[in-house]
Amino acid sequence: MKKLLVVLAAFALGLLNNASAMAAAEADSTSKAGLALAAGLAIGIAAFGAALGQGRMAAAAMESIGRNPNSADRIQVPMILGLAFIEALAIYALLIAFFLQGKI
């Protein structure tokens, strides 16, 4: 797990370094390709993270309701609010991707 985090951190730093170099450069085909890649990665990573979060939240809620059925009404409303907040984060990533596409 630690190796995966190190690899992902190195990849993210490489992308950030590349993005800052492209921002300083003139808007040519390389920077357009970088912005398109960043937009696609933003949507993909946000959708992946939101799906993992929503799955874990729903599984935990169903397990707790299964253990104590009387608490279903007290679990359902916070669960739905949490799912809405997670989905909002994915929508923010979609908006950022659209804004990045507008810069091309």
PDB file of N, CA and C in Angstrom:
ATOM      1  N   MET A   1       0.827  -1.189   0.000  1.00  0.00           N
ATOM      2  CA  MET A   1       0.000   0.000   0.000  1.00  0.00           C
ATOM      3  C   MET A   1       0.872   1.254   0.000  1.00  0.00           C
ATOM      4  N   LYS A   2       1.961   1.211   0.782  1.00  0.00           N
ATOM      5  CA  LYS A   2       2.830   2.375   0.840  1.00  0.00           C
ATOM      6  C   LYS A   2       3.515   2.610  -0.504  1.00  0.00           C
ATOM      7  N   LYS A   3       3.850   1.518  -1.196  1.00  0.00           N
ATOM      8  CA  LYS A   3       4.492   1.665  -2.503  1.00  0.00           C
ATOM      9  C   LYS A   3       3.545   2.326  -3.499  1.00  0.00           C
ATOM     10  N   LEU A   4       2.276   1.936  -3.444  1.00  0.00           N
ATOM     11  CA  LEU A   4       1.287   2.535  -4.328  1.00  0.00           C
ATOM     12  C   LEU A   4       1.141   4.028  -4.048  1.00  0.00           C
ATOM     13  N   LEU A   5       1.112   4.408  -2.774  1.00  0.00           N
ATOM     14  CA  LEU A   5       1.001   5.826  -2.430  1.00  0.00           C
ATOM     15  C   LEU A   5       2.225   6.611  -2.894  1.00  0.00           C
ATOM     16  N   VAL A   6       3.397   6.005  -2.783  1.00  0.00           N
ATOM     17  CA  VAL A   6       4.618   6.678  -3.233  1.00  0.00           C
ATOM     18  C   VAL A   6       4.586   6.864  -4.744  1.00  0.00           C
ATOM     19  N   VAL A   7       4.150   5.828  -5.468  1.00  0.00           N
ATOM     20  CA  VAL A   7       4.077   5.929  -6.928  1.00  0.00           C
ATOM     21  C   VAL A   7       3.053   6.984  -7.342  1.00  0.00           C
ATOM     22  N   LEU A   8       1.888   6.987  -6.689  1.00  0.00           N
ATOM     23  CA  LEU A   8       0.866   7.989  -7.016  1.00  0.00           C
ATOM     24  C   LEU A   8       1.332   9.401  -6.687  1.00  0.00           C
ATOM     25  N   ALA A   9       2.039   9.566  -5.578  1.00  0.00           N
ATOM     26  CA  ALA A   9       2.553  10.887  -5.214  1.00  0.00           C
ATOM     27  C   ALA A   9       3.591  11.363  -6.230  1.00  0.00           C
ATOM     28  N   ALA A  10       4.463  10.458  -6.665  1.00  0.00           N
ATOM     29  CA  ALA A  10       5.465  10.823  -7.670  1.00  0.00           C
ATOM     30  C   ALA A  10       4.788  11.190  -8.982  1.00  0.00           C
ATOM     31  N   PHE A  11       3.759  10.444  -9.355  1.00  0.00           N
ATOM     32  CA  PHE A  11       3.023  10.738 -10.594  1.00  0.00           C
ATOM     33  C   PHE A  11       2.345  12.104 -10.497  1.00  0.00           C
ATOM     34  N   ALA A  12       1.722  12.380  -9.343  1.00  0.00           N
ATOM     35  CA  ALA A  12       1.048  13.674  -9.163  1.00  0.00           C
ATOM     36  C   ALA A  12       2.044  14.822  -9.202  1.00  0.00           C
ATOM     37  N   LEU A  13       3.197  14.655  -8.566  1.00  0.00           N
ATOM     38  CA  LEU A  13       4.213  15.711  -8.594  1.00  0.00           C
ATOM     39  C   LEU A  13       4.730  15.933 -10.008  1.00  0.00           C
ATOM     40  N   GLY A  14       4.876  14.849 -10.749  1.00  0.00           N
ATOM     41  CA  GLY A  14       5.299  14.984 -12.146  1.00  0.00           C
ATOM     42  C   GLY A  14       4.281  15.741 -12.976  1.00  0.00           C
ATOM     43  N   LEU A  15       2.997  15.453 -12.744  1.00  0.00           N
ATOM     44  CA  LEU A  15       1.951  16.179 -13.468  1.00  0.00           C
ATOM     45  C   LEU A  15       1.922  17.650 -13.072  1.00  0.00           C
ATOM     46  N   LEU A  16       2.079  17.928 -11.775  1.00  0.00           N
ATOM     47  CA  LEU A  16       2.087  19.321 -11.325  1.00  0.00           C
ATOM     48  C   LEU A  16       3.267  20.082 -11.907  1.00  0.00           C
ATOM     49  N   ASN A  17       4.425  19.442 -11.942  1.00  0.00           N
ATOM     50  CA  ASN A  17       5.608  20.078 -12.505  1.00  0.00           C
ATOM     51  C   ASN A  17       5.404  20.332 -13.996  1.00  0.00           C
ATOM     52  N   ASN A  18       4.837  19.356 -14.683  1.00  0.00           N
ATOM     53  CA  ASN A  18       4.585  19.500 -16.107  1.00  0.00           C
ATOM     54  C   ASN A  18       3.540  20.593 -16.362  1.00  0.00           C
ATOM     55  N   ALA A  19       2.504  20.652 -15.509  1.00  0.00           N
ATOM     56  CA  ALA A  19       1.454  21.661 -15.690  1.00  0.00           C
ATOM     57  C   ALA A  19       2.003  23.068 -15.459  1.00  0.00           C
ATOM     58  N   SER A  20       2.883  23.231 -14.464  1.00  0.00           N
ATOM     59  CA  SER A  20       3.433  24.560 -14.218  1.00  0.00           C
ATOM     60  C   SER A  20       4.376  24.976 -15.335  1.00  0.00           C
ATOM     61  N   ALA A  21       5.093  24.024 -15.907  1.00  0.00           N
ATOM     62  CA  ALA A  21       5.964  24.345 -17.035  1.00  0.00           C
ATOM     63  C   ALA A  21       5.136  24.727 -18.253  1.00  0.00           C
ATOM     64  N   MET A  22       4.014  24.050 -18.430  1.00  0.00           N
ATOM     65  CA  MET A  22       3.156  24.366 -19.572  1.00  0.00           C
ATOM     66  C   MET A  22       2.474  25.711 -19.394  1.00  0.00           C
ATOM     67  N   ALA A  23       2.164  26.070 -18.153  1.00  0.00           N
ATOM     68  CA  ALA A  23       1.513  27.355 -17.918  1.00  0.00           C
ATOM     69  C   ALA A  23       2.451  28.502 -18.268  1.00  0.00           C
ATOM     70  N   ALA A  24       3.738  28.286 -18.062  1.00  0.00           N
ATOM     71  CA  ALA A  24       4.704  29.326 -18.375  1.00  0.00           C
ATOM     72  C   ALA A  24       4.971  29.400 -19.875  1.00  0.00           C
ATOM     73  N   ALA A  25       4.727  28.312 -20.577  1.00  0.00           N
ATOM     74  CA  ALA A  25       5.004  28.278 -22.012  1.00  0.00           C
ATOM     75  C   ALA A  25       3.851  28.906 -22.786  1.00  0.00           C
ATOM     76  N   GLU A  26       4.097  29.071 -24.053  1.00  0.00           N
ATOM     77  CA  GLU A  26       3.075  29.615 -24.934  1.00  0.00           C
ATOM     78  C   GLU A  26       2.020  28.548 -25.187  1.00  0.00           C
ATOM     79  N   ALA A  27       0.791  28.945 -25.486  1.00  0.00           N
ATOM     80  CA  ALA A  27      -0.300  27.996 -25.696  1.00  0.00           C
ATOM     81  C   ALA A  27      -0.129  27.315 -27.047  1.00  0.00           C
ATOM     82  N   ASP A  28       0.589  26.215 -27.059  1.00  0.00           N
ATOM     83  CA  ASP A  28       0.791  25.454 -28.287  1.00  0.00           C
ATOM     84  C   ASP A  28       0.094  24.107 -28.145  1.00  0.00           C
ATOM     85  N   SER A  29       0.370  23.203 -29.045  1.00  0.00           N
ATOM     86  CA  SER A  29      -0.319  21.919 -29.046  1.00  0.00           C
ATOM     87  C   SER A  29       0.025  21.078 -27.820  1.00  0.00           C
ATOM     88  N   THR A  30       1.242  21.233 -27.284  1.00  0.00           N
ATOM     89  CA  THR A  30       1.616  20.465 -26.098  1.00  0.00           C
ATOM     90  C   THR A  30       0.802  20.901 -24.888  1.00  0.00           C
ATOM     91  N   SER A  31       0.620  22.197 -24.714  1.00  0.00           N
ATOM     92  CA  SER A  31      -0.160  22.657 -23.569  1.00  0.00           C
ATOM     93  C   SER A  31      -1.636  22.325 -23.742  1.00  0.00           C
ATOM     94  N   LYS A  32      -2.132  22.323 -24.978  1.00  0.00           N
ATOM     95  CA  LYS A  32      -3.517  21.933 -25.210  1.00  0.00           C
ATOM     96  C   LYS A  32      -3.717  20.459 -24.869  1.00  0.00           C
ATOM     97  N   ALA A  33      -2.756  19.643 -25.232  1.00  0.00           N
ATOM     98  CA  ALA A  33      -2.853  18.223 -24.909  1.00  0.00           C
ATOM     99  C   ALA A  33      -2.762  18.010 -23.399  1.00  0.00           C
ATOM    100  N   GLY A  34      -1.932  18.788 -22.736  1.00  0.00           N
ATOM    101  CA  GLY A  34      -1.823  18.676 -21.283  1.00  0.00           C
ATOM    102  C   GLY A  34      -3.107  19.078 -20.579  1.00  0.00           C
ATOM    103  N   LEU A  35      -3.756  20.134 -21.063  1.00  0.00           N
ATOM    104  CA  LEU A  35      -5.031  20.549 -20.471  1.00  0.00           C
ATOM    105  C   LEU A  35      -6.119  19.503 -20.704  1.00  0.00           C
ATOM    106  N   ALA A  36      -6.126  18.909 -21.886  1.00  0.00           N
ATOM    107  CA  ALA A  36      -7.103  17.859 -22.166  1.00  0.00           C
ATOM    108  C   ALA A  36      -6.856  16.653 -21.273  1.00  0.00           C
ATOM    109  N   LEU A  37      -5.594  16.304 -21.073  1.00  0.00           N
ATOM    110  CA  LEU A  37      -5.251  15.196 -20.187  1.00  0.00           C
ATOM    111  C   LEU A  37      -5.645  15.509 -18.744  1.00  0.00           C
ATOM    112  N   ALA A  38      -5.390  16.726 -18.307  1.00  0.00           N
ATOM    113  CA  ALA A  38      -5.751  17.115 -16.942  1.00  0.00           C
ATOM    114  C   ALA A  38      -7.263  17.078 -16.741  1.00  0.00           C
ATOM    115  N   ALA A  39      -8.016  17.504 -17.732  1.00  0.00           N
ATOM    116  CA  ALA A  39      -9.475  17.482 -17.623  1.00  0.00           C
ATOM    117  C   ALA A  39      -9.989  16.046 -17.534  1.00  0.00           C
ATOM    118  N   GLY A  40      -9.453  15.181 -18.361  1.00  0.00           N
ATOM    119  CA  GLY A  40      -9.863  13.779 -18.315  1.00  0.00           C
ATOM    120  C   GLY A  40      -9.493  13.115 -17.006  1.00  0.00           C
ATOM    121  N   LEU A  41      -8.292  13.400 -16.518  1.00  0.00           N
ATOM    122  CA  LEU A  41      -7.874  12.829 -15.240  1.00  0.00           C
ATOM    123  C   LEU A  41      -8.724  13.354 -14.086  1.00  0.00           C
ATOM    124  N   ALA A  42      -9.095  14.625 -14.144  1.00  0.00           N
ATOM    125  CA  ALA A  42      -9.925  15.202 -13.081  1.00  0.00           C
ATOM    126  C   ALA A  42     -11.263  14.480 -12.993  1.00  0.00           C
ATOM    127  N   ILE A  43     -11.882  14.252 -14.128  1.00  0.00           N
ATOM    128  CA  ILE A  43     -13.176  13.568 -14.125  1.00  0.00           C
ATOM    129  C   ILE A  43     -13.020  12.124 -13.673  1.00  0.00           C
ATOM    130  N   GLY A  44     -12.007  11.447 -14.196  1.00  0.00           N
ATOM    131  CA  GLY A  44     -11.809  10.036 -13.861  1.00  0.00           C
ATOM    132  C   GLY A  44     -11.496   9.814 -12.391  1.00  0.00           C
ATOM    133  N   ILE A  45     -10.587  10.585 -11.840  1.00  0.00           N
ATOM    134  CA  ILE A  45     -10.211  10.424 -10.441  1.00  0.00           C
ATOM    135  C   ILE A  45     -11.366  10.809  -9.520  1.00  0.00           C
ATOM    136  N   ALA A  46     -12.091  11.861  -9.873  1.00  0.00           N
ATOM    137  CA  ALA A  46     -13.228  12.267  -9.039  1.00  0.00           C
ATOM    138  C   ALA A  46     -14.331  11.217  -9.065  1.00  0.00           C
ATOM    139  N   ALA A  47     -14.606  10.658 -10.232  1.00  0.00           N
ATOM    140  CA  ALA A  47     -15.642   9.622 -10.322  1.00  0.00           C
ATOM    141  C   ALA A  47     -15.226   8.380  -9.552  1.00  0.00           C
ATOM    142  N   PHE A  48     -13.956   8.011  -9.640  1.00  0.00           N
ATOM    143  CA  PHE A  48     -13.458   6.842  -8.919  1.00  0.00           C
ATOM    144  C   PHE A  48     -13.548   7.054  -7.407  1.00  0.00           C
ATOM    145  N   GLY A  49     -13.108   8.209  -6.944  1.00  0.00           N
ATOM    146  CA  GLY A  49     -13.158   8.499  -5.515  1.00  0.00           C
ATOM    147  C   GLY A  49     -14.583   8.597  -4.996  1.00  0.00           C
ATOM    148  N   ALA A  50     -15.459   9.221  -5.772  1.00  0.00           N
ATOM    149  CA  ALA A  50     -16.852   9.339  -5.344  1.00  0.00           C
ATOM    150  C   ALA A  50     -17.525   7.975  -5.298  1.00  0.00           C
ATOM    151  N   ALA A  51     -17.228   7.126  -6.261  1.00  0.00           N
ATOM    152  CA  ALA A  51     -17.824   5.788  -6.273  1.00  0.00           C
ATOM    153  C   ALA A  51     -17.346   4.968  -5.079  1.00  0.00           C
ATOM    154  N   LEU A  52     -16.062   5.066  -4.759  1.00  0.00           N
ATOM    155  CA  LEU A  52     -15.553   4.351  -3.584  1.00  0.00           C
ATOM    156  C   LEU A  52     -16.200   4.865  -2.303  1.00  0.00           C
ATOM    157  N   GLY A  53     -16.288   6.168  -2.169  1.00  0.00           N
ATOM    158  CA  GLY A  53     -16.895   6.754  -0.970  1.00  0.00           C
ATOM    159  C   GLY A  53     -18.362   6.402  -0.826  1.00  0.00           C
ATOM    160  N   GLN A  54     -19.096   6.470  -1.926  1.00  0.00           N
ATOM    161  CA  GLN A  54     -20.511   6.151  -1.863  1.00  0.00           C
ATOM    162  C   GLN A  54     -20.734   4.668  -1.567  1.00  0.00           C
ATOM    163  N   GLY A  55     -19.915   3.819  -2.139  1.00  0.00           N
ATOM    164  CA  GLY A  55     -20.045   2.391  -1.881  1.00  0.00           C
ATOM    165  C   GLY A  55     -19.759   2.037  -0.431  1.00  0.00           C
ATOM    166  N   ARG A  56     -18.710   2.625   0.094  1.00  0.00           N
ATOM    167  CA  ARG A  56     -18.373   2.344   1.497  1.00  0.00           C
ATOM    168  C   ARG A  56     -19.441   2.889   2.442  1.00  0.00           C
ATOM    169  N   MET A  57     -19.964   4.070   2.126  1.00  0.00           N
ATOM    170  CA  MET A  57     -20.989   4.653   2.997  1.00  0.00           C
ATOM    171  C   MET A  57     -22.268   3.825   2.965  1.00  0.00           C
ATOM    172  N   ALA A  58     -22.686   3.412   1.784  1.00  0.00           N
ATOM    173  CA  ALA A  58     -23.907   2.617   1.683  1.00  0.00           C
ATOM    174  C   ALA A  58     -23.728   1.260   2.350  1.00  0.00           C
ATOM    175  N   ALA A  59     -22.558   0.641   2.188  1.00  0.00           N
ATOM    176  CA  ALA A  59     -22.311  -0.656   2.819  1.00  0.00           C
ATOM    177  C   ALA A  59     -22.331  -0.537   4.337  1.00  0.00           C
ATOM    178  N   ALA A  60     -21.712   0.501   4.869  1.00  0.00           N
ATOM    179  CA  ALA A  60     -21.693   0.686   6.320  1.00  0.00           C
ATOM    180  C   ALA A  60     -23.096   0.966   6.852  1.00  0.00           C
ATOM    181  N   ALA A  61     -23.866   1.749   6.112  1.00  0.00           N
ATOM    182  CA  ALA A  61     -25.231   2.052   6.559  1.00  0.00           C
ATOM    183  C   ALA A  61     -26.107   0.803   6.539  1.00  0.00           C
ATOM    184  N   MET A  62     -25.984   0.008   5.479  1.00  0.00           N
ATOM    185  CA  MET A  62     -26.796  -1.204   5.404  1.00  0.00           C
ATOM    186  C   MET A  62     -26.394  -2.215   6.475  1.00  0.00           C
ATOM    187  N   GLU A  63     -25.094  -2.282   6.759  1.00  0.00           N
ATOM    188  CA  GLU A  63     -24.635  -3.189   7.809  1.00  0.00           C
ATOM    189  C   GLU A  63     -25.151  -2.742   9.178  1.00  0.00           C
ATOM    190  N   SER A  64     -25.108  -1.448   9.437  1.00  0.00           N
ATOM    191  CA  SER A  64     -25.587  -0.969  10.736  1.00  0.00           C
ATOM    192  C   SER A  64     -27.100  -1.107  10.863  1.00  0.00           C
ATOM    193  N   ILE A  65     -27.821  -0.925   9.777  1.00  0.00           N
ATOM    194  CA  ILE A  65     -29.273  -1.130   9.821  1.00  0.00           C
ATOM    195  C   ILE A  65     -29.577  -2.616  10.006  1.00  0.00           C
ATOM    196  N   GLY A  66     -28.758  -3.479   9.386  1.00  0.00           N
ATOM    197  CA  GLY A  66     -28.958  -4.910   9.564  1.00  0.00           C
ATOM    198  C   GLY A  66     -28.702  -5.354  10.990  1.00  0.00           C
ATOM    199  N   ARG A  67     -27.757  -4.719  11.652  1.00  0.00           N
ATOM    200  CA  ARG A  67     -27.466  -5.076  13.041  1.00  0.00           C
ATOM    201  C   ARG A  67     -28.518  -4.515  14.007  1.00  0.00           C
ATOM    202  N   ASN A  68     -29.030  -3.325  13.684  1.00  0.00           N
ATOM    203  CA  ASN A  68     -30.011  -2.698  14.561  1.00  0.00           C
ATOM    204  C   ASN A  68     -31.107  -2.071  13.693  1.00  0.00           C
ATOM    205  N   PRO A  69     -32.127  -2.849  13.325  1.00  0.00           N
ATOM    206  CA  PRO A  69     -33.173  -2.331  12.420  1.00  0.00           C
ATOM    207  C   PRO A  69     -33.942  -1.135  12.970  1.00  0.00           C
ATOM    208  N   ASN A  70     -33.981  -0.975  14.283  1.00  0.00           N
ATOM    209  CA  ASN A  70     -34.713   0.155  14.869  1.00  0.00           C
ATOM    210  C   ASN A  70     -34.038   1.492  14.599  1.00  0.00           C
ATOM    211  N   SER A  71     -32.766   1.484  14.228  1.00  0.00           N
ATOM    212  CA  SER A  71     -32.047   2.738  13.982  1.00  0.00           C
ATOM    213  C   SER A  71     -32.071   3.162  12.519  1.00  0.00           C
ATOM    214  N   ALA A  72     -32.881   2.523  11.712  1.00  0.00           N
ATOM    215  CA  ALA A  72     -32.904   2.826  10.276  1.00  0.00           C
ATOM    216  C   ALA A  72     -33.298   4.271   9.996  1.00  0.00           C
ATOM    217  N   ASP A  73     -34.274   4.781  10.736  1.00  0.00           N
ATOM    218  CA  ASP A  73     -34.712   6.156  10.486  1.00  0.00           C
ATOM    219  C   ASP A  73     -33.659   7.179  10.898  1.00  0.00           C
ATOM    220  N   ARG A  74     -32.818   6.839  11.872  1.00  0.00           N
ATOM    221  CA  ARG A  74     -31.767   7.764  12.301  1.00  0.00           C
ATOM    222  C   ARG A  74     -30.517   7.664  11.424  1.00  0.00           C
ATOM    223  N   ILE A  75     -30.402   6.615  10.649  1.00  0.00           N
ATOM    224  CA  ILE A  75     -29.228   6.428   9.787  1.00  0.00           C
ATOM    225  C   ILE A  75     -29.490   6.926   8.378  1.00  0.00           C
ATOM    226  N   GLN A  76     -30.723   6.806   7.915  1.00  0.00           N
ATOM    227  CA  GLN A  76     -31.036   7.082   6.523  1.00  0.00           C
ATOM    228  C   GLN A  76     -30.811   8.543   6.125  1.00  0.00           C
ATOM    229  N   VAL A  77     -31.257   9.483   6.905  1.00  0.00           N
ATOM    230  CA  VAL A  77     -31.126  10.898   6.541  1.00  0.00           C
ATOM    231  C   VAL A  77     -29.659  11.346   6.501  1.00  0.00           C
ATOM    232  N   PRO A  78     -28.840  11.051   7.519  1.00  0.00           N
ATOM    233  CA  PRO A  78     -27.425  11.427   7.400  1.00  0.00           C
ATOM    234  C   PRO A  78     -26.713  10.722   6.248  1.00  0.00           C
ATOM    235  N   MET A  79     -27.128   9.480   5.949  1.00  0.00           N
ATOM    236  CA  MET A  79     -26.521   8.771   4.833  1.00  0.00           C
ATOM    237  C   MET A  79     -26.842   9.470   3.508  1.00  0.00           C
ATOM    238  N   ILE A  80     -28.069   9.866   3.320  1.00  0.00           N
ATOM    239  CA  ILE A  80     -28.455  10.532   2.073  1.00  0.00           C
ATOM    240  C   ILE A  80     -27.760  11.889   1.955  1.00  0.00           C
ATOM    241  N   LEU A  81     -27.643  12.618   3.061  1.00  0.00           N
ATOM    242  CA  LEU A  81     -26.899  13.886   3.028  1.00  0.00           C
ATOM    243  C   LEU A  81     -25.430  13.661   2.676  1.00  0.00           C
ATOM    244  N   GLY A  82     -24.823  12.650   3.264  1.00  0.00           N
ATOM    245  CA  GLY A  82     -23.439  12.328   2.951  1.00  0.00           C
ATOM    246  C   GLY A  82     -23.259  11.950   1.492  1.00  0.00           C
ATOM    247  N   LEU A  83     -24.182  11.164   0.953  1.00  0.00           N
ATOM    248  CA  LEU A  83     -24.112  10.803  -0.466  1.00  0.00           C
ATOM    249  C   LEU A  83     -24.235  12.033  -1.353  1.00  0.00           C
ATOM    250  N   ALA A  84     -25.080  12.965  -0.970  1.00  0.00           N
ATOM    251  CA  ALA A  84     -25.229  14.196  -1.752  1.00  0.00           C
ATOM    252  C   ALA A  84     -23.942  15.025  -1.723  1.00  0.00           C
ATOM    253  N   PHE A  85     -23.292  15.096  -0.571  1.00  0.00           N
ATOM    254  CA  PHE A  85     -22.034  15.846  -0.484  1.00  0.00           C
ATOM    255  C   PHE A  85     -20.929  15.181  -1.300  1.00  0.00           C
ATOM    256  N   ILE A  86     -20.880  13.858  -1.270  1.00  0.00           N
ATOM    257  CA  ILE A  86     -19.876  13.147  -2.073  1.00  0.00           C
ATOM    258  C   ILE A  86     -20.135  13.396  -3.561  1.00  0.00           C
ATOM    259  N   GLU A  87     -21.385  13.339  -3.963  1.00  0.00           N
ATOM    260  CA  GLU A  87     -21.715  13.571  -5.366  1.00  0.00           C
ATOM    261  C   GLU A  87     -21.397  15.013  -5.771  1.00  0.00           C
ATOM    262  N   ALA A  88     -21.569  15.950  -4.852  1.00  0.00           N
ATOM    263  CA  ALA A  88     -21.240  17.349  -5.150  1.00  0.00           C
ATOM    264  C   ALA A  88     -19.749  17.507  -5.436  1.00  0.00           C
ATOM    265  N   LEU A  89     -18.909  16.776  -4.725  1.00  0.00           N
ATOM    266  CA  LEU A  89     -17.471  16.848  -4.994  1.00  0.00           C
ATOM    267  C   LEU A  89     -17.143  16.343  -6.389  1.00  0.00           C
ATOM    268  N   ALA A  90     -17.823  15.288  -6.824  1.00  0.00           N
ATOM    269  CA  ALA A  90     -17.603  14.780  -8.179  1.00  0.00           C
ATOM    270  C   ALA A  90     -18.083  15.797  -9.219  1.00  0.00           C
ATOM    271  N   ILE A  91     -19.168  16.486  -8.935  1.00  0.00           N
ATOM    272  CA  ILE A  91     -19.678  17.502  -9.867  1.00  0.00           C
ATOM    273  C   ILE A  91     -18.729  18.697  -9.925  1.00  0.00           C
ATOM    274  N   TYR A  92     -18.103  19.055  -8.792  1.00  0.00           N
ATOM    275  CA  TYR A  92     -17.106  20.126  -8.812  1.00  0.00           C
ATOM    276  C   TYR A  92     -15.938  19.760  -9.726  1.00  0.00           C
ATOM    277  N   ALA A  93     -15.514  18.512  -9.692  1.00  0.00           N
ATOM    278  CA  ALA A  93     -14.430  18.069 -10.575  1.00  0.00           C
ATOM    279  C   ALA A  93     -14.867  18.153 -12.035  1.00  0.00           C
ATOM    280  N   LEU A  94     -16.121  17.834 -12.305  1.00  0.00           N
ATOM    281  CA  LEU A  94     -16.633  17.948 -13.667  1.00  0.00           C
ATOM    282  C   LEU A  94     -16.619  19.403 -14.135  1.00  0.00           C
ATOM    283  N   LEU A  95     -17.007  20.329 -13.250  1.00  0.00           N
ATOM    284  CA  LEU A  95     -16.973  21.747 -13.605  1.00  0.00           C
ATOM    285  C   LEU A  95     -15.546  22.232 -13.858  1.00  0.00           C
ATOM    286  N   ILE A  96     -14.602  21.773 -13.037  1.00  0.00           N
ATOM    287  CA  ILE A  96     -13.203  22.146 -13.247  1.00  0.00           C
ATOM    288  C   ILE A  96     -12.725  21.621 -14.593  1.00  0.00           C
ATOM    289  N   ALA A  97     -13.126  20.401 -14.934  1.00  0.00           N
ATOM    290  CA  ALA A  97     -12.735  19.842 -16.227  1.00  0.00           C
ATOM    291  C   ALA A  97     -13.320  20.663 -17.372  1.00  0.00           C
ATOM    292  N   PHE A  98     -14.561  21.102 -17.233  1.00  0.00           N
ATOM    293  CA  PHE A  98     -15.155  21.944 -18.276  1.00  0.00           C
ATOM    294  C   PHE A  98     -14.423  23.275 -18.385  1.00  0.00           C
ATOM    295  N   PHE A  99     -14.038  23.857 -17.257  1.00  0.00           N
ATOM    296  CA  PHE A  99     -13.293  25.111 -17.290  1.00  0.00           C
ATOM    297  C   PHE A  99     -11.923  24.921 -17.943  1.00  0.00           C
ATOM    298  N   LEU A 100     -11.289  23.784 -17.677  1.00  0.00           N
ATOM    299  CA  LEU A 100      -9.995  23.510 -18.323  1.00  0.00           C
ATOM    300  C   LEU A 100     -10.173  23.330 -19.829  1.00  0.00           C
ATOM    301  N   GLN A 101     -11.257  22.699 -20.241  1.00  0.00           N
ATOM    302  CA  GLN A 101     -11.505  22.525 -21.669  1.00  0.00           C
ATOM    303  C   GLN A 101     -11.778  23.871 -22.345  1.00  0.00           C
ATOM    304  N   GLY A 102     -12.342  24.808 -21.604  1.00  0.00           N
ATOM    305  CA  GLY A 102     -12.599  26.123 -22.169  1.00  0.00           C
ATOM    306  C   GLY A 102     -11.328  26.920 -22.426  1.00  0.00           C
ATOM    307  N   LYS A 103     -10.218  26.557 -21.778  1.00  0.00           N
ATOM    308  CA  LYS A 103      -8.956  27.267 -21.967  1.00  0.00           C
ATOM    309  C   LYS A 103      -8.215  26.798 -23.210  1.00  0.00           C
ATOM    310  N   ILE A 104      -8.704  25.738 -23.816  1.00  0.00           N
ATOM    311  CA  ILE A 104      -7.986  25.213 -24.990  1.00  0.00           C
ATOM    312  C   ILE A 104      -8.272  26.046 -26.210  1.00  0.00           C
TER     313      ILE A 104
END
